[in-house]
Amino acid sequence: MSAVSGSPAPHELAAELGRRSHAVLALVTLSNHGEGTIEQLGLDQACHERGRLGEDLGWLAAVGLVRRDSSAGSWDISDPGAVYRLSTLGATVAASLAALAQACGATAAHRRVNP
């Protein structure tokens, strides 16, 4: 575990993100758009498995990466009007994912130019 009681260690967080493709998509989408409902963010169209998206958003909230403003008050209740946004930690993780993707792209381009 990490130094903060109850929060996952970085390697645990990374491993779980690797298993949750909808969570990664939600982080990237929220990073690009700031905030919005699932429909406004296009996540309902991008994620064909709605139940899986809900589970992944709930996990993101549980580890402190996403916040939800909802009249439902509970993550157990679906709320199409709920507004999602990244927490400060979530924004940092999303920025790290973007930097990783950029570095991987630069490495691939370098390999094509310098085989």
N, C-alpha and C. Protein backbone atom coordinates (compact mmCIF):
# COMPACT_ATOMS: atom_id res chain seq x y z
N MET A 1 0.84 -1.18 0.00
CA MET A 1 0.00 0.00 0.00
C MET A 1 0.87 1.24 0.00
N SER A 2 0.26 2.34 -0.29
CA SER A 2 1.01 3.60 -0.34
C SER A 2 1.11 4.20 1.05
N ALA A 3 1.81 5.33 1.12
CA ALA A 3 1.97 6.03 2.39
C ALA A 3 0.64 6.57 2.91
N VAL A 4 -0.31 6.81 2.01
CA VAL A 4 -1.63 7.29 2.41
C VAL A 4 -2.49 6.07 2.67
N SER A 5 -2.95 5.92 3.90
CA SER A 5 -3.72 4.76 4.29
C SER A 5 -4.95 4.60 3.41
N GLY A 6 -5.14 3.38 2.91
CA GLY A 6 -6.31 3.08 2.10
C GLY A 6 -6.18 3.38 0.63
N SER A 7 -5.16 4.08 0.20
CA SER A 7 -5.00 4.37 -1.22
C SER A 7 -4.03 3.36 -1.83
N PRO A 8 -4.24 3.03 -3.10
CA PRO A 8 -3.37 2.03 -3.72
C PRO A 8 -1.97 2.57 -3.99
N ALA A 9 -1.01 1.68 -3.97
CA ALA A 9 0.36 2.04 -4.34
C ALA A 9 0.38 2.31 -5.84
N PRO A 10 1.35 3.09 -6.32
CA PRO A 10 1.38 3.42 -7.75
C PRO A 10 1.36 2.19 -8.66
N HIS A 11 2.10 1.14 -8.32
CA HIS A 11 2.09 -0.04 -9.19
C HIS A 11 0.74 -0.74 -9.18
N GLU A 12 0.04 -0.69 -8.05
CA GLU A 12 -1.31 -1.28 -7.98
C GLU A 12 -2.29 -0.48 -8.82
N LEU A 13 -2.18 0.85 -8.73
CA LEU A 13 -3.05 1.72 -9.52
C LEU A 13 -2.80 1.51 -11.01
N ALA A 14 -1.54 1.44 -11.41
CA ALA A 14 -1.21 1.23 -12.83
C ALA A 14 -1.72 -0.12 -13.32
N ALA A 15 -1.55 -1.15 -12.51
CA ALA A 15 -2.02 -2.49 -12.91
C ALA A 15 -3.53 -2.50 -13.08
N GLU A 16 -4.24 -1.87 -12.16
CA GLU A 16 -5.70 -1.85 -12.25
C GLU A 16 -6.16 -1.00 -13.44
N LEU A 17 -5.50 0.11 -13.71
CA LEU A 17 -5.83 0.90 -14.90
C LEU A 17 -5.65 0.08 -16.16
N GLY A 18 -4.62 -0.75 -16.18
CA GLY A 18 -4.38 -1.62 -17.33
C GLY A 18 -5.50 -2.61 -17.57
N ARG A 19 -6.21 -2.96 -16.52
CA ARG A 19 -7.33 -3.90 -16.64
C ARG A 19 -8.65 -3.19 -16.93
N ARG A 20 -8.68 -1.89 -16.81
CA ARG A 20 -9.94 -1.14 -16.93
C ARG A 20 -9.87 -0.15 -18.09
N SER A 21 -10.13 -0.65 -19.30
CA SER A 21 -10.03 0.21 -20.48
C SER A 21 -11.02 1.36 -20.45
N HIS A 22 -12.22 1.15 -19.89
CA HIS A 22 -13.19 2.23 -19.81
C HIS A 22 -12.71 3.33 -18.85
N ALA A 23 -11.97 2.94 -17.83
CA ALA A 23 -11.43 3.92 -16.88
C ALA A 23 -10.41 4.81 -17.57
N VAL A 24 -9.54 4.21 -18.36
CA VAL A 24 -8.52 4.98 -19.08
C VAL A 24 -9.21 5.93 -20.07
N LEU A 25 -10.19 5.42 -20.80
CA LEU A 25 -10.93 6.26 -21.75
C LEU A 25 -11.62 7.42 -21.02
N ALA A 26 -12.20 7.16 -19.86
CA ALA A 26 -12.85 8.22 -19.10
C ALA A 26 -11.84 9.27 -18.64
N LEU A 27 -10.67 8.84 -18.17
CA LEU A 27 -9.64 9.79 -17.73
C LEU A 27 -9.20 10.68 -18.89
N VAL A 28 -8.93 10.08 -20.02
CA VAL A 28 -8.46 10.85 -21.19
C VAL A 28 -9.55 11.80 -21.67
N THR A 29 -10.77 11.31 -21.74
CA THR A 29 -11.89 12.14 -22.22
C THR A 29 -12.13 13.31 -21.27
N LEU A 30 -12.14 13.05 -19.96
CA LEU A 30 -12.34 14.14 -19.00
C LEU A 30 -11.18 15.12 -19.04
N SER A 31 -9.99 14.63 -19.28
CA SER A 31 -8.83 15.52 -19.39
C SER A 31 -8.98 16.46 -20.58
N ASN A 32 -9.52 15.94 -21.67
CA ASN A 32 -9.69 16.74 -22.89
C ASN A 32 -10.88 17.70 -22.82
N HIS A 33 -11.94 17.31 -22.09
CA HIS A 33 -13.18 18.09 -22.10
C HIS A 33 -13.50 18.79 -20.78
N GLY A 34 -12.78 18.48 -19.73
CA GLY A 34 -13.01 19.14 -18.45
C GLY A 34 -14.07 18.48 -17.60
N GLU A 35 -15.30 18.55 -18.03
CA GLU A 35 -16.39 17.95 -17.27
C GLU A 35 -17.56 17.73 -18.19
N GLY A 36 -18.49 16.92 -17.74
CA GLY A 36 -19.70 16.70 -18.50
C GLY A 36 -20.41 15.44 -18.09
N THR A 37 -21.61 15.27 -18.62
CA THR A 37 -22.36 14.04 -18.41
C THR A 37 -21.74 12.96 -19.29
N ILE A 38 -22.12 11.73 -19.04
CA ILE A 38 -21.61 10.63 -19.86
C ILE A 38 -21.96 10.87 -21.33
N GLU A 39 -23.17 11.34 -21.59
CA GLU A 39 -23.58 11.61 -22.97
C GLU A 39 -22.79 12.77 -23.58
N GLN A 40 -22.63 13.86 -22.85
CA GLN A 40 -21.88 15.01 -23.36
C GLN A 40 -20.43 14.64 -23.68
N LEU A 41 -19.86 13.77 -22.88
CA LEU A 41 -18.47 13.36 -23.09
C LEU A 41 -18.34 12.30 -24.19
N GLY A 42 -19.47 11.78 -24.66
CA GLY A 42 -19.43 10.76 -25.70
C GLY A 42 -19.06 9.38 -25.18
N LEU A 43 -19.00 9.24 -23.87
CA LEU A 43 -18.61 7.96 -23.30
C LEU A 43 -19.68 6.89 -23.51
N ASP A 44 -20.95 7.31 -23.59
CA ASP A 44 -22.01 6.33 -23.79
C ASP A 44 -21.89 5.69 -25.17
N GLN A 45 -21.39 6.44 -26.15
CA GLN A 45 -21.21 5.89 -27.50
C GLN A 45 -19.92 5.11 -27.61
N ALA A 46 -18.87 5.58 -26.92
CA ALA A 46 -17.56 4.93 -27.00
C ALA A 46 -17.51 3.63 -26.22
N CYS A 47 -18.30 3.52 -25.17
CA CYS A 47 -18.29 2.34 -24.30
C CYS A 47 -19.59 1.56 -24.52
N HIS A 48 -19.51 0.50 -25.25
CA HIS A 48 -20.71 -0.28 -25.57
C HIS A 48 -21.22 -1.06 -24.35
N GLU A 49 -20.35 -1.33 -23.39
CA GLU A 49 -20.74 -2.06 -22.19
C GLU A 49 -21.01 -1.05 -21.07
N ARG A 50 -22.25 -0.59 -20.98
CA ARG A 50 -22.60 0.43 -19.99
C ARG A 50 -22.32 0.01 -18.57
N GLY A 51 -22.60 -1.24 -18.24
CA GLY A 51 -22.35 -1.72 -16.89
C GLY A 51 -20.88 -1.64 -16.54
N ARG A 52 -20.04 -1.98 -17.51
CA ARG A 52 -18.59 -1.93 -17.29
C ARG A 52 -18.12 -0.49 -17.09
N LEU A 53 -18.67 0.45 -17.87
CA LEU A 53 -18.32 1.86 -17.72
C LEU A 53 -18.70 2.34 -16.33
N GLY A 54 -19.89 1.98 -15.87
CA GLY A 54 -20.33 2.37 -14.53
C GLY A 54 -19.42 1.83 -13.45
N GLU A 55 -19.00 0.56 -13.59
CA GLU A 55 -18.07 -0.03 -12.63
C GLU A 55 -16.74 0.71 -12.63
N ASP A 56 -16.24 1.01 -13.82
CA ASP A 56 -14.95 1.69 -13.92
C ASP A 56 -15.00 3.11 -13.39
N LEU A 57 -16.10 3.82 -13.64
CA LEU A 57 -16.25 5.17 -13.08
C LEU A 57 -16.34 5.10 -11.55
N GLY A 58 -17.04 4.11 -11.05
CA GLY A 58 -17.12 3.92 -9.60
C GLY A 58 -15.76 3.65 -8.99
N TRP A 59 -14.95 2.83 -9.68
CA TRP A 59 -13.60 2.54 -9.20
C TRP A 59 -12.75 3.81 -9.23
N LEU A 60 -12.84 4.58 -10.31
CA LEU A 60 -12.09 5.84 -10.40
C LEU A 60 -12.45 6.78 -9.25
N ALA A 61 -13.72 6.81 -8.89
CA ALA A 61 -14.14 7.65 -7.76
C ALA A 61 -13.61 7.09 -6.45
N ALA A 62 -13.63 5.77 -6.30
CA ALA A 62 -13.18 5.14 -5.05
C ALA A 62 -11.71 5.40 -4.78
N VAL A 63 -10.90 5.49 -5.85
CA VAL A 63 -9.47 5.75 -5.66
C VAL A 63 -9.15 7.25 -5.74
N GLY A 64 -10.19 8.07 -5.90
CA GLY A 64 -10.01 9.52 -5.83
C GLY A 64 -9.59 10.20 -7.12
N LEU A 65 -9.83 9.56 -8.27
CA LEU A 65 -9.43 10.16 -9.54
C LEU A 65 -10.56 10.94 -10.21
N VAL A 66 -11.81 10.60 -9.88
CA VAL A 66 -12.97 11.24 -10.52
C VAL A 66 -13.96 11.64 -9.44
N ARG A 67 -14.66 12.75 -9.71
CA ARG A 67 -15.74 13.20 -8.84
C ARG A 67 -17.02 13.24 -9.67
N ARG A 68 -18.14 13.09 -9.00
CA ARG A 68 -19.44 13.11 -9.68
C ARG A 68 -20.40 13.99 -8.91
N ASP A 69 -21.00 14.96 -9.61
CA ASP A 69 -22.08 15.76 -9.03
C ASP A 69 -23.38 15.15 -9.53
N SER A 70 -24.18 14.64 -8.59
CA SER A 70 -25.38 13.92 -8.98
C SER A 70 -26.49 14.16 -7.98
N SER A 71 -27.71 14.18 -8.50
CA SER A 71 -28.86 14.28 -7.60
C SER A 71 -29.15 12.93 -6.95
N ALA A 72 -28.62 11.85 -7.54
CA ALA A 72 -28.87 10.51 -7.01
C ALA A 72 -28.16 10.31 -5.67
N GLY A 73 -26.98 10.90 -5.51
CA GLY A 73 -26.28 10.79 -4.25
C GLY A 73 -25.55 9.48 -4.02
N SER A 74 -25.87 8.46 -4.77
CA SER A 74 -25.22 7.16 -4.61
C SER A 74 -24.73 6.65 -5.95
N TRP A 75 -23.55 6.06 -5.95
CA TRP A 75 -23.01 5.49 -7.19
C TRP A 75 -23.76 4.23 -7.59
N ASP A 76 -24.57 3.69 -6.70
CA ASP A 76 -25.35 2.49 -7.02
C ASP A 76 -26.55 2.82 -7.91
N ILE A 77 -26.87 4.10 -8.00
CA ILE A 77 -28.02 4.53 -8.80
C ILE A 77 -27.52 5.25 -10.05
N SER A 78 -27.97 4.78 -11.20
CA SER A 78 -27.59 5.41 -12.46
C SER A 78 -28.23 6.79 -12.55
N ASP A 79 -27.44 7.78 -12.95
CA ASP A 79 -27.95 9.15 -13.07
C ASP A 79 -27.41 9.75 -14.36
N PRO A 80 -28.22 9.72 -15.45
CA PRO A 80 -27.74 10.25 -16.73
C PRO A 80 -27.41 11.74 -16.69
N GLY A 81 -27.94 12.47 -15.70
CA GLY A 81 -27.66 13.89 -15.58
C GLY A 81 -26.43 14.21 -14.73
N ALA A 82 -25.79 13.18 -14.19
CA ALA A 82 -24.62 13.40 -13.34
C ALA A 82 -23.48 14.01 -14.14
N VAL A 83 -22.78 14.96 -13.52
CA VAL A 83 -21.64 15.62 -14.15
C VAL A 83 -20.36 15.04 -13.54
N TYR A 84 -19.47 14.58 -14.41
CA TYR A 84 -18.21 13.98 -14.00
C TYR A 84 -17.07 14.96 -14.25
N ARG A 85 -16.07 14.93 -13.36
CA ARG A 85 -14.87 15.75 -13.54
C ARG A 85 -13.72 15.05 -12.85
N LEU A 86 -12.52 15.37 -13.30
CA LEU A 86 -11.32 14.81 -12.69
C LEU A 86 -11.02 15.51 -11.37
N SER A 87 -10.51 14.75 -10.42
CA SER A 87 -9.96 15.36 -9.21
C SER A 87 -8.57 15.88 -9.58
N THR A 88 -7.92 16.53 -8.65
CA THR A 88 -6.55 16.99 -8.90
C THR A 88 -5.64 15.81 -9.20
N LEU A 89 -5.79 14.74 -8.41
CA LEU A 89 -5.00 13.53 -8.65
C LEU A 89 -5.34 12.91 -10.00
N GLY A 90 -6.62 12.89 -10.35
CA GLY A 90 -7.04 12.35 -11.64
C GLY A 90 -6.45 13.12 -12.81
N ALA A 91 -6.40 14.45 -12.68
CA ALA A 91 -5.80 15.27 -13.73
C ALA A 91 -4.31 14.96 -13.87
N THR A 92 -3.64 14.71 -12.76
CA THR A 92 -2.21 14.37 -12.80
C THR A 92 -2.00 13.02 -13.48
N VAL A 93 -2.84 12.04 -13.15
CA VAL A 93 -2.73 10.72 -13.78
C VAL A 93 -3.02 10.83 -15.27
N ALA A 94 -4.05 11.58 -15.65
CA ALA A 94 -4.38 11.75 -17.06
C ALA A 94 -3.23 12.42 -17.82
N ALA A 95 -2.60 13.42 -17.22
CA ALA A 95 -1.46 14.09 -17.85
C ALA A 95 -0.29 13.11 -18.01
N SER A 96 -0.10 12.25 -17.03
CA SER A 96 0.97 11.24 -17.12
C SER A 96 0.68 10.25 -18.24
N LEU A 97 -0.57 9.86 -18.39
CA LEU A 97 -0.94 8.95 -19.49
C LEU A 97 -0.70 9.61 -20.84
N ALA A 98 -1.02 10.90 -20.94
CA ALA A 98 -0.79 11.63 -22.19
C ALA A 98 0.70 11.72 -22.50
N ALA A 99 1.51 11.99 -21.48
CA ALA A 99 2.96 12.06 -21.68
C ALA A 99 3.52 10.71 -22.09
N LEU A 100 3.01 9.64 -21.49
CA LEU A 100 3.45 8.30 -21.86
C LEU A 100 3.10 7.99 -23.31
N ALA A 101 1.89 8.33 -23.72
CA ALA A 101 1.48 8.10 -25.11
C ALA A 101 2.34 8.90 -26.08
N GLN A 102 2.64 10.14 -25.72
CA GLN A 102 3.48 10.98 -26.57
C GLN A 102 4.89 10.40 -26.67
N ALA A 103 5.43 9.94 -25.56
CA ALA A 103 6.78 9.35 -25.57
C ALA A 103 6.81 8.07 -26.40
N CYS A 104 5.78 7.27 -26.28
CA CYS A 104 5.72 6.03 -27.08
C CYS A 104 5.62 6.36 -28.57
N GLY A 105 4.86 7.38 -28.90
CA GLY A 105 4.75 7.81 -30.29
C GLY A 105 6.07 8.33 -30.82
N ALA A 106 6.78 9.10 -30.03
CA ALA A 106 8.09 9.63 -30.44
C ALA A 106 9.09 8.50 -30.62
N THR A 107 9.04 7.51 -29.74
CA THR A 107 9.95 6.37 -29.85
C THR A 107 9.66 5.57 -31.12
N ALA A 108 8.39 5.37 -31.40
CA ALA A 108 8.02 4.63 -32.62
C ALA A 108 8.45 5.40 -33.86
N ALA A 109 8.27 6.71 -33.87
CA ALA A 109 8.68 7.53 -35.02
C ALA A 109 10.19 7.49 -35.17
N HIS A 110 10.91 7.53 -34.07
CA HIS A 110 12.38 7.47 -34.12
C HIS A 110 12.85 6.13 -34.69
N ARG A 111 12.17 5.07 -34.34
CA ARG A 111 12.54 3.74 -34.87
C ARG A 111 12.31 3.64 -36.37
N ARG A 112 11.25 4.29 -36.86
CA ARG A 112 10.97 4.25 -38.30
C ARG A 112 12.02 5.03 -39.07
N VAL A 113 12.49 6.14 -38.50
CA VAL A 113 13.49 6.98 -39.18
C VAL A 113 14.89 6.40 -39.04
N ASN A 114 15.18 5.81 -37.90
CA ASN A 114 16.52 5.27 -37.61
C ASN A 114 16.44 3.77 -37.30
N PRO A 115 16.19 2.95 -38.29
CA PRO A 115 16.03 1.51 -38.03
C PRO A 115 17.28 0.84 -37.54
